[in-house]
């Protein structure tokens, strides 16, 4: 059974850092692209970062470039999103997702490209 579990959200002051985790079970995560998305009430889900299978490619939305890093720990079957220099506008529910295309060496930040989703983890950035 394919399962993704997102965790690591919480409350942080502006300028702070959080590391989100997306742990997979039922399949080998390194064989698939993974995306991180975020959503605030009343807005569409926004692609934040993505990583291809085997880390060939990563991408980030412009608003987080230089602040967020996406990476994998294959031994833990987990993808991380390191978020530094957080801003109030980064506050959202963050979701991880993976596609079903085996071995894809590209990644997309369109939620249409992803099939399996984690449950979301809340990130609050406030002073």
Foldseek 3Di string as FASTA:
>chain_A
DWAWAKDWADEDAQQAKIKIKIFIPPDQLLFWKKWKWFDDPPDDIWTAKIAGRPRLDIDGDPVQPPFWDWDDDRVRSMIMIIGGRDDQVVWGWMKMFTADDTNDHDDDRDCVRTDHIHDTDTHGYHD
